[in-house]
Protein backbone atom coordinates (compact mmCIF):
# COMPACT_ATOMS: atom_id res chain seq x y z
CA MET A 1 0.23 0.09 0.62
CA ARG A 2 2.73 2.37 1.31
CA LEU A 3 4.62 1.33 -2.52
CA SER A 4 1.23 2.55 -4.53
CA LEU A 5 0.95 5.46 -2.75
CA ARG A 6 4.58 6.63 -3.07
CA SER A 7 4.24 5.74 -7.12
CA VAL A 8 0.90 7.59 -7.32
CA ALA A 9 2.66 10.51 -5.45
CA GLU A 10 5.75 10.30 -8.31
CA TRP A 11 3.91 9.81 -11.26
CA LEU A 12 1.47 13.30 -9.89
CA GLN A 13 4.75 15.25 -9.07
CA ARG A 14 6.01 14.13 -12.58
CA VAL A 15 5.15 17.24 -15.14
CA PRO A 16 6.42 19.59 -17.14
CA ILE A 17 5.90 22.16 -15.56
CA ASP A 18 9.14 25.41 -15.86
CA ASP A 19 7.58 27.39 -12.50
CA ALA A 20 8.55 26.15 -9.31
CA LEU A 21 5.39 27.42 -8.06
CA ASP A 22 3.40 26.04 -10.47
CA ARG A 23 4.86 23.19 -10.08
CA ARG A 24 4.39 22.39 -7.04
CA ASN A 25 0.63 23.07 -7.07
CA ALA A 26 0.13 20.71 -9.71
CA PRO A 27 0.08 17.51 -7.39
CA VAL A 28 -2.28 18.90 -5.24
CA VAL A 29 -4.82 20.19 -8.15
CA GLN A 30 -4.57 17.05 -10.21
CA LEU A 31 -5.48 15.44 -6.89
CA LEU A 32 -8.23 17.85 -6.32
CA LEU A 33 -9.66 17.34 -10.42
CA ILE A 34 -10.07 13.65 -9.95
CA CYS A 35 -11.63 13.58 -6.20
CA ILE A 36 -14.38 16.34 -7.80
CA GLY A 37 -14.65 13.99 -11.12
CA GLY A 38 -14.49 10.77 -8.84
CA GLU A 39 -17.85 13.01 -7.09
CA LEU A 40 -19.26 14.14 -9.93
CA LEU A 41 -19.70 10.41 -11.45
CA VAL A 42 -20.46 9.05 -8.01
CA ASN A 43 -23.00 12.09 -6.34
CA THR A 44 -25.02 13.05 -9.45
CA PRO A 45 -26.76 9.38 -9.97
CA TRP A 46 -27.31 8.64 -6.62
CA VAL A 47 -29.08 11.57 -5.86
CA TYR A 48 -31.54 11.71 -8.53
CA LEU A 49 -32.13 7.59 -8.03
CA ASN A 50 -32.23 7.13 -4.18
CA GLN A 51 -33.88 10.66 -3.63
CA GLY A 52 -36.31 10.67 -6.26
CA LEU A 53 -35.80 13.87 -7.71
CA TYR A 54 -36.63 13.25 -11.33
CA LYS A 55 -40.51 13.29 -10.29
CA GLN A 56 -39.92 16.47 -8.77
CA ILE A 57 -37.47 18.20 -10.61
CA PRO A 58 -38.77 19.63 -13.65
CA LEU A 59 -37.00 17.92 -17.19
CA PHE A 60 -35.68 20.69 -18.69
CA ALA A 61 -33.58 21.43 -14.79
CA ILE A 62 -32.70 17.78 -15.08
CA VAL A 63 -31.11 17.72 -18.37
CA VAL A 64 -29.37 21.32 -17.91
CA ASP A 65 -28.17 19.92 -14.51
CA LEU A 66 -26.79 16.07 -16.38
CA SER A 67 -26.00 18.44 -19.56
CA THR A 68 -23.50 20.31 -17.20
CA ASP A 69 -21.85 17.62 -15.19
CA VAL A 70 -20.87 15.68 -18.47
CA PHE A 71 -18.92 18.91 -19.58
CA VAL A 72 -17.76 19.53 -16.32
CA LEU A 73 -16.14 16.03 -16.32
CA ALA A 74 -14.79 16.17 -19.75
CA CYS A 75 -13.19 19.39 -19.16
CA ILE A 76 -11.94 17.77 -16.02
CA ALA A 77 -10.40 15.20 -18.24
CA PHE A 78 -9.06 17.99 -20.66
CA SER A 79 -7.41 19.66 -17.79
CA LEU A 80 -5.39 16.69 -16.51
CA TYR A 81 -4.13 15.55 -19.81
CA TRP A 82 -2.94 19.56 -20.47
CA ILE A 83 -1.58 19.38 -17.11
CA ARG A 84 0.57 16.39 -17.68
CA HIS A 85 1.39 17.73 -20.87
CA GLY A 86 3.41 21.11 -18.88
CA ARG A 87 0.20 23.70 -19.93
CA PHE A 88 -0.91 24.14 -16.13
CA ARG A 89 -2.40 27.65 -15.68
CA LEU A 90 -4.37 26.43 -19.37
CA ALA A 91 -5.63 23.78 -17.53
CA VAL A 92 -6.65 25.98 -14.06
CA SER A 93 -8.55 28.65 -16.26
CA ALA A 94 -10.03 25.89 -18.58
CA TYR A 95 -11.74 24.40 -15.57
CA ILE A 96 -12.35 27.58 -13.73
CA TRP A 97 -14.73 29.38 -16.74
CA VAL A 98 -16.16 26.21 -17.34
CA SER A 99 -17.52 25.32 -13.95
CA LEU A 100 -19.02 28.82 -13.95
CA ILE A 101 -20.61 28.43 -17.16
CA SER A 102 -21.90 25.14 -16.25
CA LEU A 103 -22.87 26.98 -12.60
CA ALA A 104 -25.00 30.03 -14.42
CA LEU A 105 -26.94 27.65 -16.87
CA THR A 106 -27.73 25.25 -13.15
CA TYR A 107 -28.32 28.67 -11.50
CA ALA A 108 -30.64 29.84 -14.15
CA ALA A 109 -32.27 26.12 -14.39
CA PHE A 110 -33.08 26.01 -10.64
CA GLY A 111 -32.78 28.74 -8.98
CA ILE A 112 -30.67 30.58 -6.45
CA THR A 113 -32.90 29.69 -3.41
CA ARG A 114 -32.82 25.59 -4.99
CA LEU A 115 -29.19 25.34 -4.39
CA SER A 116 -29.22 28.11 -1.83
CA TYR A 117 -26.54 25.30 0.19
CA ASP A 118 -24.03 24.28 -2.38
CA ASP A 119 -21.92 27.06 -1.59
CA LEU A 120 -18.80 24.39 -2.03
CA TYR A 121 -17.42 24.76 -5.61
CA PRO A 122 -18.44 28.39 -5.90
CA LEU A 123 -15.31 28.79 -2.58
CA LEU A 124 -13.35 26.38 -4.43
CA MET A 125 -13.25 28.67 -7.78
CA ILE A 126 -11.86 31.46 -6.03
CA GLY A 127 -9.41 29.41 -4.02
CA LEU A 128 -7.93 28.24 -6.87
CA ALA A 129 -7.62 31.25 -9.28
CA GLY A 130 -6.11 33.50 -6.48
CA LEU A 131 -3.97 30.77 -5.26
CA VAL A 132 -3.27 29.60 -8.88
CA LEU A 133 -3.88 32.19 -10.99
CA GLY A 134 -3.22 35.70 -9.19
CA ARG A 135 -5.27 38.72 -7.64
CA ARG A 136 -6.57 39.65 -10.99
CA MET A 137 -8.30 35.85 -11.90
CA LEU A 138 -9.63 35.98 -8.46
CA TRP A 139 -11.40 39.10 -8.72
CA ALA A 140 -12.60 37.89 -11.77
CA VAL A 141 -14.02 35.17 -10.35
CA PHE A 142 -15.52 37.39 -7.85
CA LEU A 143 -17.31 38.91 -10.47
CA ALA A 144 -18.71 35.96 -12.28
CA LEU A 145 -19.96 34.66 -9.42
CA VAL A 146 -22.29 37.32 -8.52
CA MET A 147 -23.42 37.14 -11.93
CA VAL A 148 -24.24 33.38 -12.11
CA ASN A 149 -26.04 34.62 -8.42
CA ALA A 150 -27.77 36.56 -9.92
CA CYS A 151 -29.07 35.34 -12.42
CA GLY A 152 -30.10 32.56 -10.12
CA ALA A 153 -32.29 35.50 -8.38
CA LEU A 154 -33.56 36.10 -11.40
CA THR A 155 -35.18 32.92 -11.89
CA ASP A 156 -36.50 33.20 -8.82
CA ILE A 157 -38.45 36.45 -9.74
CA LEU A 158 -39.29 35.69 -12.26
CA TYR A 159 -41.11 32.52 -10.91
CA ALA A 160 -41.62 33.31 -7.30
CA ALA A 161 -45.45 32.25 -7.45
CA THR A 162 -44.47 29.23 -9.05
CA ARG A 163 -41.76 28.16 -6.88
CA GLN A 164 -43.36 29.93 -3.36
CA ALA A 165 -40.14 32.58 -3.08
CA ARG A 166 -40.63 35.69 -2.09
CA THR A 167 -38.57 38.71 -3.78
CA SER A 168 -37.30 39.82 -0.48
CA ASP A 169 -35.58 36.93 0.67
CA THR A 170 -34.36 35.94 -2.93
CA LEU A 171 -32.65 39.59 -2.80
CA LEU A 172 -31.60 38.73 0.95
CA LEU A 173 -29.84 35.35 -0.10
CA LEU A 174 -28.22 36.92 -3.35
CA THR A 175 -27.17 39.86 -0.45
CA ASN A 176 -25.72 37.41 1.79
CA LYS A 177 -23.65 35.02 -0.60
CA SER A 178 -22.03 37.74 -2.84
CA LEU A 179 -21.46 39.43 0.98
CA GLY A 180 -19.21 36.49 1.56
CA TYR A 181 -17.89 35.33 -2.05
CA LEU A 182 -16.46 39.11 -0.90
CA VAL A 183 -15.33 38.58 2.12
CA THR A 184 -13.45 35.30 1.28
CA THR A 185 -12.37 37.29 -1.91
CA VAL A 186 -10.78 40.18 0.49
CA LEU A 187 -9.01 37.76 2.63
CA LEU A 188 -7.33 35.73 -0.28
CA ASP A 189 -6.36 38.61 -1.51
CA ARG A 190 -4.66 39.80 1.14
CA THR A 191 -2.97 36.35 1.70
CA VAL A 192 -1.92 35.49 -1.61
CA ALA A 193 -0.52 39.11 -1.85
CA ALA A 194 1.89 38.58 0.99
CA LEU A 195 2.64 35.34 0.58
CA ARG A 196 3.30 36.48 -3.57
CA GLU A 197 5.63 39.26 -1.82
CA THR A 198 6.99 37.30 0.25
CA LEU A 199 8.18 34.80 -2.38
CA ALA A 200 9.54 37.85 -4.58
CA GLU A 201 11.17 39.45 -1.73
CA SER A 202 13.21 35.60 -1.00
CA LYS A 203 14.14 35.17 -4.99
CA GLU A 204 15.30 38.98 -4.37
CA HIS A 205 17.30 38.30 -1.96
CA ALA A 206 18.37 34.46 -3.43
CA ARG A 207 19.41 36.54 -6.49
CA GLN A 208 21.42 38.66 -4.34
CA LEU A 209 22.84 36.24 -3.11
CA VAL A 210 24.24 34.85 -5.78
CA GLN A 211 25.55 37.27 -7.37
CA ALA A 212 27.58 38.51 -3.82
CA ASN A 213 28.96 34.39 -3.93
CA VAL A 214 30.25 35.17 -7.63
CA LEU A 215 31.59 38.62 -6.49
CA LEU A 216 33.41 36.98 -3.52
CA GLU A 217 34.62 34.32 -5.98
CA HIS A 218 36.00 36.40 -7.80
CA GLU A 219 37.93 38.57 -5.02
CA MET A 220 39.25 35.34 -3.50
CA VAL A 221 40.68 34.26 -7.03
CA GLU A 222 42.00 38.16 -7.72
CA ARG A 223 43.61 37.99 -4.00
CA GLU A 224 45.21 35.53 -4.16
CA ARG A 225 46.60 36.44 -7.73
CA VAL A 226 47.58 39.42 -5.70
CA GLN A 227 49.02 37.30 -3.16
CA ASP A 228 51.17 35.20 -5.30
CA GLN A 229 52.16 38.29 -7.00
CA LEU A 230 53.43 39.72 -3.72
CA ILE A 231 55.43 37.29 -3.30
CA HIS A 232 56.89 36.63 -5.87
CA ALA A 233 57.90 40.89 -5.03
CA GLN A 234 59.26 39.62 -2.20
CA LYS A 235 61.51 37.05 -3.26
CA MET A 236 62.73 39.43 -6.21
CA GLU A 237 63.56 41.87 -3.07
CA ALA A 238 65.19 39.13 -0.70
CA VAL A 239 66.95 38.45 -4.31
CA GLY A 240 68.46 42.02 -4.74
CA ARG A 241 69.54 42.07 -0.81
CA ILE A 242 71.70 38.65 -1.29
CA ALA A 243 73.24 39.95 -4.16
CA SER A 244 76.08 40.97 -2.95
CA GLY A 245 76.97 38.17 -0.89
CA ILE A 246 76.12 35.84 -4.37
CA ALA A 247 78.75 38.43 -6.26
CA HIS A 248 81.50 37.44 -3.63
CA ASP A 249 81.17 33.45 -3.46
CA PHE A 250 81.07 33.50 -7.35
CA ASN A 251 83.98 35.80 -7.08
CA ASN A 252 85.74 33.03 -5.37
CA VAL A 253 84.68 30.08 -7.73
CA LEU A 254 86.57 32.64 -10.84
CA ASN A 255 89.41 32.92 -8.60
CA VAL A 256 89.53 29.21 -7.79
CA VAL A 257 89.15 28.86 -12.04
CA LEU A 258 91.78 31.88 -12.60
CA GLY A 259 94.16 30.44 -10.50
CA TYR A 260 94.23 27.20 -12.20
CA ALA A 261 94.14 28.93 -15.73
CA MET A 262 97.32 31.41 -14.95
CA ARG A 263 99.29 28.08 -13.60
CA ARG A 264 98.75 26.19 -17.21
CA GLU A 265 102.24 26.48 -17.96
CA ARG A 266 103.62 25.08 -14.66
CA LEU A 267 101.20 22.80 -14.51
CA ALA A 268 102.26 21.28 -17.44
CA ASP A 269 105.51 20.67 -16.99
CA GLN A 270 104.38 18.97 -13.81
CA GLY A 271 102.83 16.43 -15.94
CA ALA A 272 99.92 14.98 -16.51
CA PRO A 273 99.01 14.22 -12.82
CA ALA A 274 98.88 17.92 -12.08
CA LEU A 275 96.79 18.87 -14.95
CA LEU A 276 94.44 16.11 -13.85
CA GLY A 277 94.27 17.71 -10.49
CA ALA A 278 93.85 21.23 -11.54
CA LEU A 279 90.71 20.42 -14.19
CA GLU A 280 88.98 18.46 -10.69
CA GLY A 281 89.75 21.60 -8.80
CA VAL A 282 88.16 23.88 -11.80
CA GLU A 283 85.57 20.98 -11.48
CA LEU A 284 84.45 21.44 -7.96
CA ALA A 285 84.64 25.30 -8.34
CA SER A 286 82.54 24.81 -11.16
CA ARG A 287 79.73 22.54 -9.24
CA ARG A 288 79.27 25.69 -6.07
CA ALA A 289 78.61 28.20 -8.24
CA LEU A 290 76.51 25.49 -10.54
CA ALA A 291 74.90 24.91 -7.20
CA ILE A 292 74.74 28.73 -6.36
CA SER A 293 72.96 29.63 -9.33
CA ARG A 294 70.62 27.14 -9.28
CA LYS A 295 69.57 27.76 -5.98
CA LEU A 296 69.07 31.29 -7.11
CA LEU A 297 67.04 30.42 -9.77
CA ASN A 298 64.48 28.41 -8.19
CA PHE A 299 64.48 30.52 -4.97
CA SER A 300 63.28 33.84 -7.02
CA ARG A 301 60.94 31.96 -10.22
CA GLN A 302 57.33 32.79 -10.08
CA ASP A 303 54.98 29.34 -8.68
CA VAL A 304 51.95 28.06 -7.68
CA ALA A 305 52.16 27.72 -4.41
CA HIS A 306 52.77 23.46 -3.75
CA PRO A 307 52.76 22.33 0.06
CA GLU A 308 54.68 19.97 0.56
CA VAL A 309 56.12 17.64 3.50
CA PHE A 310 59.94 18.48 4.26
CA ASP A 311 62.32 18.82 7.13
CA ALA A 312 62.47 22.26 8.34
CA GLY A 313 65.96 21.84 10.38
CA GLN A 314 67.19 20.56 6.67
CA VAL A 315 66.47 23.67 4.92
CA LEU A 316 67.42 25.76 7.05
CA ARG A 317 71.01 24.16 7.12
CA GLU A 318 70.93 24.97 3.33
CA MET A 319 69.89 28.27 3.90
CA GLN A 320 72.57 29.01 6.10
CA PRO A 321 74.92 29.98 3.11
CA MET A 322 72.53 32.03 1.96
CA LEU A 323 71.22 33.91 5.48
CA ARG A 324 74.98 34.29 6.34
CA GLN A 325 75.15 36.66 2.65
CA LEU A 326 72.61 39.18 3.93
CA PHE A 327 74.98 40.68 6.66
CA ASP A 328 78.12 42.15 6.52
CA SER A 329 81.19 41.17 7.91
CA ASN A 330 80.88 42.31 11.58
CA THR A 331 77.34 40.59 11.99
CA ARG A 332 78.03 37.18 14.04
CA PHE A 333 75.65 34.87 12.63
CA GLN A 334 74.53 31.14 14.37
CA MET A 335 72.52 28.84 13.84
CA ASP A 336 71.74 26.29 16.38
CA ILE A 337 69.55 23.67 14.82
CA ASP A 338 68.27 20.80 16.13
CA GLN A 339 69.17 17.17 14.47
CA ILE A 340 65.94 15.43 15.39
CA ARG A 341 63.67 15.85 11.56
CA LEU A 342 61.75 18.33 12.12
CA PRO A 343 58.96 17.65 9.34
CA VAL A 344 56.22 19.83 8.57
CA CYS A 345 53.90 20.34 5.26
CA LEU A 346 53.65 24.34 3.47
CA ASP A 347 54.97 25.64 0.41
CA ARG A 348 58.72 25.27 0.38
CA GLY A 349 59.53 28.23 -0.96
CA GLN A 350 57.21 30.01 1.29
CA PHE A 351 59.00 29.05 4.41
CA GLU A 352 62.14 30.63 2.66
CA LEU A 353 61.04 33.66 1.94
CA MET A 354 59.73 33.64 5.57
CA MET A 355 63.48 33.49 7.06
CA LEU A 356 65.13 35.56 4.23
CA ASN A 357 62.55 38.50 5.14
CA ILE A 358 63.00 38.14 8.77
CA ALA A 359 66.63 38.16 8.36
CA ALA A 360 66.72 41.25 6.04
CA ASN A 361 64.37 43.44 8.55
CA ALA A 362 67.20 42.18 11.20
CA ARG A 363 69.98 43.46 9.19
CA ASP A 364 68.27 46.99 8.48
CA ALA A 365 68.28 46.73 12.34
CA MET A 366 71.69 46.25 13.20
CA PRO A 367 73.35 49.12 10.87
CA GLU A 368 76.60 49.05 12.47
CA GLY A 369 77.08 45.38 12.88
CA GLY A 370 75.57 42.60 16.09
CA HIS A 371 74.46 39.21 16.49
CA PHE A 372 71.70 37.20 14.84
CA LYS A 373 70.42 33.58 15.48
CA VAL A 374 68.54 31.00 14.15
CA SER A 375 67.33 28.17 16.39
CA ALA A 376 64.68 25.47 15.27
CA GLN A 377 63.04 22.75 17.89
CA PRO A 378 60.24 21.26 18.94
CA ALA A 379 58.17 22.75 21.44
CA PHE A 380 57.72 21.16 24.59
CA GLY A 381 53.98 18.83 24.91
CA ALA A 382 52.63 20.78 21.67
CA GLY A 383 53.25 19.21 18.68
CA GLU A 384 54.79 22.29 17.09
CA LEU A 385 58.02 23.18 15.59
CA GLU A 386 59.40 26.35 17.31
CA VAL A 387 61.50 28.09 15.20
CA THR A 388 63.10 31.42 16.90
CA LEU A 389 64.79 34.29 14.82
CA ALA A 390 66.70 36.42 17.08
CA ASP A 391 69.04 39.95 16.68
CA SER A 392 70.52 42.61 18.93
CA GLY A 393 69.82 45.73 17.24
CA ASP A 394 67.49 48.95 17.74
CA GLY A 395 64.08 47.13 18.99
CA MET A 396 60.78 48.29 18.75
CA PRO A 397 58.47 50.03 21.01
CA GLU A 398 55.00 48.86 22.36
CA SER A 399 53.16 51.48 20.06
CA VAL A 400 55.52 49.71 16.43
CA GLN A 401 54.87 46.03 17.64
CA LYS A 402 50.95 46.61 17.64
CA HIS A 403 51.41 47.69 13.97
CA VAL A 404 54.42 45.40 12.98
CA PHE A 405 52.05 42.90 10.73
CA GLU A 406 49.86 45.59 8.99
CA PRO A 407 50.50 46.34 5.68
CA PHE A 408 52.23 48.70 4.61
CA TYR A 409 53.43 49.90 7.75
CA THR A 410 57.63 50.90 7.92
CA THR A 411 59.20 52.65 9.89
CA LYS A 412 62.02 52.78 7.97
CA PRO A 413 62.65 56.04 5.26
CA SER A 414 60.67 56.79 1.94
CA GLY A 415 62.06 53.82 -0.32
CA GLN A 416 64.10 52.03 1.70
CA GLY A 417 60.41 49.57 2.92
CA THR A 418 57.38 48.43 1.06
CA GLY A 419 55.85 47.71 4.72
CA LEU A 420 54.91 44.36 3.12
CA GLY A 421 57.28 41.93 4.87
CA LEU A 422 56.00 40.73 7.67
CA ALA A 423 52.28 41.31 6.72
CA VAL A 424 52.93 38.07 3.80
CA VAL A 425 54.79 36.12 6.31
CA GLN A 426 52.08 36.36 8.52
CA ASP A 427 49.51 35.29 6.00
CA MET A 428 51.82 32.82 4.35
CA LEU A 429 51.75 31.60 8.11
CA LYS A 430 48.12 31.27 8.61
CA THR A 431 47.38 29.19 5.64
CA ALA A 432 49.94 27.32 6.63
CA GLY A 433 48.17 26.47 10.63
CA GLY A 434 50.77 28.55 11.74
CA SER A 435 51.32 31.43 14.00
CA ILE A 436 53.97 34.40 14.61
CA SER A 437 54.58 36.23 17.36
CA VAL A 438 57.39 38.99 18.12
CA MET A 439 58.97 40.24 21.24
CA SER A 440 60.87 43.36 21.42
CA SER A 441 61.86 46.41 23.53
CA PRO A 442 63.87 49.15 22.42
CA GLY A 443 67.72 48.71 22.43
CA GLN A 444 66.99 45.25 23.54
CA GLY A 445 66.98 43.17 20.24
CA THR A 446 64.35 41.56 18.93
CA THR A 447 62.92 38.40 18.34
CA PHE A 448 60.53 37.03 16.22
CA GLN A 449 59.19 33.32 17.16
CA ILE A 450 57.58 31.33 14.44
CA ARG A 451 55.00 27.80 14.59
CA LEU A 452 54.18 25.96 13.01
CA PRO A 453 52.24 22.44 12.73
CA LEU A 454 54.86 19.33 12.97
CA LEU A 455 53.49 16.38 11.04
CA SER A 456 53.95 12.83 12.82
CA ALA A 457 56.61 10.45 12.14
């Protein structure tokens, strides 16, 4: 039984109607039309045959009543067919107007007093018109019902003597029925208007949400693009800062190669073993130059961020020569890294950029030299990596510390800083699930503490 009811419900819902509201109303309207048709098929024969009304009512009225019932049944069949083929509003309109015409013929044949008990179908037509077809159709049906009842009242007045009906009673009944229809129509009109206004507001709100979502997605894509460009710009700035140190390393490599070249005659006199040793030295120096240039190129290229798992301690040890190149010879550089594995997951290039940004700021804070220390170890009991970068520079007052991670905030002279380095570092750490904090006081140096989630083995 449950399966059959579910199948019927699914069949009623399978209608090719585009409008969402009409599609929701279609199952109820179909079920209503089927019930009305069934009631006409069963009730009319039962009334006439069991109660013997055909003996009390003129033959003309019986013919009109049965003909209108057949007319309405045919209209219900066509309306169901049109609903099943997606013409929902046409089907409802056809049923309402055919019912009104049938009702007018019936009232004209029987009169209003004999049918005063039958207000179900008029109210049903008012409800269908208001809920499905809108306000204009609602008031049109109301006016049509008033005219239909007026036809019935006119019949009673014309045949008042034979039907034993007083004109005053007929007019009173017409007035009461018209007022009842009016009250129902007004209430339904206001209710439907409020519902449709609420629906319109909901649709407008949904449309605005869709537009806001599209704009938000566009802004997110644009923000990611700008952030990638900003990170690349920071990389290039860091590359520029370490260019002098890289040039110094390349000079050392070239001096080694040049030294072997200047000793070529003496090495030739010493025989093949000496030449082979010299060429081996040239090869080692060249490999060091290639490693330096490859590291610089890999760091400076603009790539989409690719988070990966790597040993932060190993990366910091590999960065030691590059970090050392940022400082003058009168700055003591120290690195204290635990030998245990420190696995983290983020973009390796961004991690290197964080270290270079903070180290560059430390160099600017120590124009006359000082001490810069990098340390990394697991945070006790927190499951996090703790990287500490401390300098012995000028330090910062509390008023500066409050704004140090804000974009475009800088205390450097115009043309010597963008104020974006630490803001970029903070954004990259937030994306990776980490954090950064600063501790500083004037004349006591500055310490940056970075925390990143440590991965399990």
